[in-house]
Protein backbone atom coordinates (compact mmCIF):
# COMPACT_ATOMS: atom_id res chain seq x y z
CA UNK A 1 7.20 22.48 0.06
CA UNK A 2 10.61 20.81 -0.24
CA UNK A 3 12.01 22.95 2.56
CA UNK A 4 9.09 21.95 4.78
CA UNK A 5 9.67 18.28 4.07
CA UNK A 6 13.37 18.64 4.82
CA UNK A 7 12.60 20.38 8.12
CA UNK A 8 10.30 17.58 9.32
CA UNK A 9 12.62 14.87 7.96
CA UNK A 10 14.97 15.54 10.91
CA UNK A 11 12.24 14.96 13.51
CA UNK A 12 12.24 11.71 15.51
CA UNK A 13 9.61 9.24 14.38
CA UNK A 14 7.73 9.34 17.69
CA UNK A 15 7.26 13.12 17.38
CA UNK A 16 6.01 12.86 13.81
CA UNK A 17 3.58 10.12 14.78
CA UNK A 18 2.32 12.15 17.73
CA UNK A 19 1.78 15.15 15.47
CA UNK A 20 0.05 12.95 12.91
CA UNK A 21 -2.27 11.35 15.45
CA UNK A 22 -3.38 14.79 16.62
CA UNK A 23 -3.99 15.89 13.03
CA UNK A 24 -5.92 12.71 12.31
CA UNK A 25 -8.31 13.32 15.21
CA UNK A 26 -8.76 16.96 14.21
CA UNK A 27 -9.74 15.88 10.70
CA UNK A 28 -12.17 13.37 12.19
CA UNK A 29 -13.77 15.95 14.49
CA UNK A 30 -14.10 18.76 11.96
CA UNK A 31 -15.06 16.88 8.78
CA UNK A 32 -18.49 15.30 8.97
CA UNK A 33 -18.15 13.88 5.44
CA UNK A 34 -14.89 12.13 6.31
CA UNK A 35 -16.28 10.93 9.63
CA UNK A 36 -19.39 9.48 7.99
CA UNK A 37 -17.44 7.69 5.26
CA UNK A 38 -15.01 6.29 7.86
CA UNK A 39 -17.81 4.83 9.95
CA UNK A 40 -19.81 3.58 6.96
CA UNK A 41 -16.79 1.65 5.69
CA UNK A 42 -16.09 0.18 9.13
CA UNK A 43 -19.71 -0.89 9.60
CA UNK A 44 -19.67 -2.48 6.15
CA UNK A 45 -16.81 -4.66 7.42
CA UNK A 46 -18.83 -5.53 10.54
CA UNK A 47 -16.54 -3.62 12.91
CA UNK A 48 -17.60 -1.36 15.76
CA UNK A 49 -16.09 1.99 16.65
CA UNK A 50 -13.69 0.73 19.31
CA UNK A 51 -12.11 -1.76 16.88
CA UNK A 52 -11.34 0.95 14.34
CA UNK A 53 -10.85 4.04 16.54
CA UNK A 54 -7.02 3.79 16.48
CA UNK A 55 -7.17 4.17 12.69
CA UNK A 56 -8.28 7.79 13.14
CA UNK A 57 -4.87 8.75 14.49
CA UNK A 58 -2.99 6.38 12.20
CA UNK A 59 -4.46 8.12 9.15
CA UNK A 60 -2.70 11.29 10.28
CA UNK A 61 0.49 9.44 11.19
CA UNK A 62 0.61 8.05 7.65
CA UNK A 63 1.06 11.57 6.29
CA UNK A 64 3.24 12.94 9.08
CA UNK A 65 5.85 10.17 8.74
CA UNK A 66 6.47 10.78 5.02
CA UNK A 67 9.18 13.47 5.39
CA UNK A 68 11.25 11.14 7.56
CA UNK A 69 10.72 8.14 5.28
CA UNK A 70 11.40 10.06 2.07
CA UNK A 71 14.24 12.37 3.10
CA UNK A 72 15.40 11.44 6.61
CA UNK A 73 17.64 8.87 8.27
CA UNK A 74 16.71 5.17 8.03
CA UNK A 75 14.19 3.85 10.53
CA UNK A 76 14.06 0.55 12.38
CA UNK A 77 12.37 -2.32 10.51
CA UNK A 78 11.53 -5.77 11.86
CA UNK A 79 10.48 -8.72 9.71
CA UNK A 80 7.83 -11.38 10.15
CA UNK A 81 7.54 -13.88 7.32
CA UNK A 82 10.69 -12.89 5.44
CA UNK A 83 11.23 -16.58 4.58
CA UNK A 84 8.11 -16.31 2.41
CA UNK A 85 9.75 -13.50 0.45
CA UNK A 86 12.98 -15.47 0.04
CA UNK A 87 11.12 -18.50 -1.33
CA UNK A 88 9.12 -16.35 -3.75
CA UNK A 89 12.27 -14.78 -5.16
CA UNK A 90 13.93 -18.20 -5.39
CA UNK A 91 11.21 -19.41 -7.76
CA UNK A 92 12.72 -17.18 -10.46
CA UNK A 93 9.24 -16.37 -11.80
CA UNK A 94 9.08 -12.81 -10.50
CA UNK A 95 7.24 -11.65 -7.38
CA UNK A 96 4.04 -9.62 -7.19
CA UNK A 97 3.76 -7.89 -3.80
CA UNK A 98 0.23 -6.81 -2.86
CA UNK A 99 -0.69 -4.59 0.07
CA UNK A 100 -3.91 -2.74 0.95
CA UNK A 101 -4.14 0.76 2.42
CA UNK A 102 -2.98 -0.73 5.71
CA UNK A 103 -0.28 0.51 8.05
CA UNK A 104 2.70 2.14 6.33
CA UNK A 105 2.86 0.97 2.72
CA UNK A 106 5.69 3.43 2.04
CA UNK A 107 8.09 1.57 4.32
CA UNK A 108 7.06 -1.74 2.75
CA UNK A 109 8.57 -0.82 -0.61
CA UNK A 110 11.67 0.74 0.94
CA UNK A 111 12.37 -2.24 3.19
CA UNK A 112 11.92 -4.75 0.36
CA UNK A 113 14.27 -2.78 -1.90
CA UNK A 114 16.85 -2.35 0.86
CA UNK A 115 16.95 -6.03 1.80
CA UNK A 116 16.42 -7.88 -1.48
CA UNK A 117 17.21 -5.69 -4.50
CA UNK A 118 20.99 -6.15 -4.38
CA UNK A 119 20.58 -9.88 -4.89
CA UNK A 120 17.32 -10.09 -6.85
CA UNK A 121 17.12 -6.86 -8.83
CA UNK A 122 15.11 -3.68 -8.33
CA UNK A 123 11.56 -3.49 -7.02
CA UNK A 124 9.17 -1.66 -9.35
CA UNK A 125 6.20 0.05 -7.69
CA UNK A 126 3.14 1.69 -9.20
CA UNK A 127 2.17 5.15 -7.99
CA UNK A 128 -0.12 8.00 -8.92
CA UNK A 129 1.85 11.26 -9.37
CA UNK A 130 0.77 14.14 -7.13
CA UNK A 131 -1.06 17.05 -8.72
CA UNK A 132 0.96 19.69 -6.87
CA UNK A 133 4.28 20.25 -8.70
CA UNK A 134 6.29 20.67 -5.49
CA UNK A 135 4.97 17.47 -3.92
CA UNK A 136 5.33 15.58 -7.20
CA UNK A 137 9.01 16.50 -7.35
CA UNK A 138 9.60 15.36 -3.77
CA UNK A 139 7.79 12.08 -4.43
CA UNK A 140 9.75 11.35 -7.58
CA UNK A 141 13.07 12.06 -5.88
CA UNK A 142 12.23 10.05 -2.77
CA UNK A 143 10.66 7.03 -4.40
CA UNK A 144 13.28 6.51 -7.08
CA UNK A 145 16.25 5.34 -5.03
CA UNK A 146 18.77 2.50 -5.30
CA UNK A 147 16.87 -0.75 -5.72
CA UNK A 148 13.50 0.98 -6.06
CA UNK A 149 11.89 2.23 -9.25
CA UNK A 150 8.53 4.03 -9.22
CA UNK A 151 6.45 4.03 -12.39
CA UNK A 152 3.28 6.07 -13.02
CA UNK A 153 -0.22 4.69 -13.48
CA UNK A 154 0.01 4.78 -17.27
CA UNK A 155 0.23 2.20 -20.01
CA UNK A 156 3.99 2.74 -20.10
CA UNK A 157 4.18 2.09 -16.37
CA UNK A 158 2.21 -1.14 -16.71
CA UNK A 159 4.52 -2.30 -19.49
CA UNK A 160 7.51 -1.70 -17.24
CA UNK A 161 5.92 -3.84 -14.53
CA UNK A 162 5.29 -6.70 -16.95
CA UNK A 163 8.87 -6.47 -18.19
CA UNK A 164 10.19 -6.56 -14.62
CA UNK A 165 8.17 -9.66 -13.73
CA UNK A 166 9.20 -11.49 -16.87
CA UNK A 167 12.80 -10.73 -15.97
CA UNK A 168 12.32 -12.45 -12.61
CA UNK A 169 12.23 -9.20 -10.64
CA UNK A 170 9.53 -7.92 -8.29
CA UNK A 171 6.75 -5.35 -8.50
CA UNK A 172 4.43 -3.92 -5.87
CA UNK A 173 1.05 -2.23 -5.90
CA UNK A 174 -2.07 -1.50 -3.85
CA UNK A 175 -4.91 -3.54 -5.37
CA UNK A 176 -7.58 -1.77 -3.31
CA UNK A 177 -7.07 1.53 -5.15
CA UNK A 178 -10.04 2.60 -7.26
CA UNK A 179 -8.81 2.54 -10.88
CA UNK A 180 -9.98 4.75 -13.74
CA UNK A 181 -12.99 3.73 -15.83
CA UNK A 182 -12.27 0.71 -18.01
CA UNK A 183 -9.39 -0.57 -15.85
CA UNK A 184 -11.43 -2.47 -13.30
CA UNK A 185 -14.55 -4.44 -12.54
CA UNK A 186 -17.15 -4.37 -9.80
CA UNK A 187 -16.34 -6.99 -7.18
CA UNK A 188 -17.40 -7.45 -3.55
CA UNK A 189 -15.21 -5.90 -0.87
CA UNK A 190 -16.49 -6.67 2.62
CA UNK A 191 -19.75 -7.71 0.97
CA UNK A 192 -20.37 -4.49 -1.00
CA UNK A 193 -19.61 -3.97 -4.73
CA UNK A 194 -16.43 -1.91 -5.17
CA UNK A 195 -14.81 -0.94 -8.44
CA UNK A 196 -11.64 -3.03 -8.29
CA UNK A 197 -8.53 -2.93 -10.45
CA UNK A 198 -7.92 -5.94 -12.65
CA UNK A 199 -4.23 -5.08 -13.04
CA UNK A 200 -3.02 -7.15 -10.08
CA UNK A 201 -4.77 -10.28 -11.30
CA UNK A 202 -3.69 -9.68 -14.91
CA UNK A 203 -0.04 -9.31 -13.90
CA UNK A 204 -0.12 -12.56 -11.96
CA UNK A 205 -1.96 -14.53 -14.65
CA UNK A 206 0.02 -13.20 -17.61
CA UNK A 207 3.47 -13.64 -16.09
CA UNK A 208 3.03 -16.54 -13.65
CA UNK A 209 4.63 -14.45 -10.90
CA UNK A 210 4.55 -15.54 -7.27
CA UNK A 211 1.98 -13.53 -5.28
CA UNK A 212 3.02 -12.34 -1.81
CA UNK A 213 0.82 -10.38 0.59
CA UNK A 214 2.74 -7.82 2.62
CA UNK A 215 2.05 -4.85 4.86
CA UNK A 216 3.99 -2.64 7.26
CA UNK A 217 2.73 -2.39 10.83
CA UNK A 218 3.42 0.93 12.52
CA UNK A 219 4.90 0.16 15.96
CA UNK A 220 4.03 2.29 19.02
CA UNK A 221 6.17 5.07 20.45
CA UNK A 222 8.11 5.57 17.25
CA UNK A 223 9.88 2.20 17.57
CA UNK A 224 9.73 1.72 13.81
CA UNK A 225 7.83 -0.81 11.74
CA UNK A 226 7.21 -4.54 11.47
CA UNK A 227 6.71 -6.04 8.03
CA UNK A 228 4.29 -8.96 7.71
CA UNK A 229 4.66 -11.19 4.64
CA UNK A 230 2.51 -14.21 3.77
CA UNK A 231 1.52 -16.38 0.83
CA UNK A 232 -1.80 -15.94 -0.91
CA UNK A 233 -2.76 -19.36 0.40
CA UNK A 234 -4.16 -20.75 -2.85
CA UNK A 235 -3.65 -20.58 -6.58
CA UNK A 236 -5.34 -17.72 -8.39
CA UNK A 237 -8.15 -18.77 -10.67
CA UNK A 238 -7.31 -18.62 -14.36
CA UNK A 239 -10.58 -16.74 -14.87
CA UNK A 240 -9.93 -13.02 -14.43
CA UNK A 241 -13.27 -12.21 -12.78
CA UNK A 242 -12.73 -14.87 -10.13
CA UNK A 243 -9.09 -13.92 -9.56
CA UNK A 244 -10.09 -10.30 -8.88
CA UNK A 245 -12.55 -11.48 -6.22
CA UNK A 246 -9.89 -13.71 -4.67
CA UNK A 247 -7.49 -10.77 -4.36
CA UNK A 248 -10.19 -8.66 -2.71
CA UNK A 249 -10.77 -11.46 -0.22
CA UNK A 250 -7.05 -11.59 0.53
CA UNK A 251 -7.03 -7.84 1.18
CA UNK A 252 -10.00 -8.23 3.54
CA UNK A 253 -8.06 -10.85 5.47
CA UNK A 254 -5.09 -8.52 5.94
CA UNK A 255 -7.33 -5.65 7.07
CA UNK A 256 -8.98 -7.87 9.67
CA UNK A 257 -5.53 -8.63 11.10
CA UNK A 258 -5.11 -4.99 12.13
CA UNK A 259 -8.26 -2.87 11.56
CA UNK A 260 -6.79 -0.14 13.76
CA UNK A 261 -4.29 0.78 11.03
CA UNK A 262 -6.49 0.56 7.94
CA UNK A 263 -7.39 3.70 6.00
CA UNK A 264 -11.14 3.51 6.64
CA UNK A 265 -11.62 7.06 5.39
CA UNK A 266 -10.58 6.03 1.86
CA UNK A 267 -13.50 6.28 -0.59
CA UNK A 268 -13.28 2.63 -1.53
CA UNK A 269 -16.81 2.41 -2.92
CA UNK A 270 -16.75 5.46 -5.14
CA UNK A 271 -17.26 5.26 -8.88
CA UNK A 272 -14.21 5.25 -11.17
CA UNK A 273 -12.77 8.42 -12.67
CA UNK A 274 -14.18 9.05 -16.10
CA UNK A 275 -17.38 7.11 -15.48
């Protein structure tokens, strides 16, 4: 698997994206279960097929670009809202970066670490280790790089994130991931109950960290990526249940900005593992 990743890591980004778009449409055409879930999720958000159709190809591009991002040469990154990030770091309270399954969340962590870690300390990100040993090794090697520290979805990993925030550093996670049983609560997402992690809200409330919404837009023709950063827009409620709902609403807002790059095929409304 590592040799395959290294082979594709030398490909230009436009070629990887083209390959990924083709694979995404093939998956859509040949998997009725995936196709049904994709459309059900889009309809739940009130979006028709033509608004979300580009996301079919982008789902494939998300996988195809990984070899280049993990093992290849740096790619072009543009910034929109980087002043928001600067101000959040300047507060000295730590920064909690939140992004949904939108665009390229892999480049988001890399770009933040590359631009801000030298001055403000490393970025700690939460990830779920792959089940395949070969892929897990590639992920661990690629994600742990200068300025970027990846921690697993375990109690030890959560403790590391709390420690980082209390030290004034930054952490990042995807709050629209379905957590294991006992680590979330049911909260509306596009009007339908979804089992939602409480970790993001707990980190913000326990540490007082600044909350920044961020996502990486995949630019056409392999031109690279554009990072969009913005403030949450309001203070999180001190009540955990309400804060979780507020974070879901913030994720909805980001998805509506670019529904053509959201991972609509993700089983967002499934029950938690261990239930």
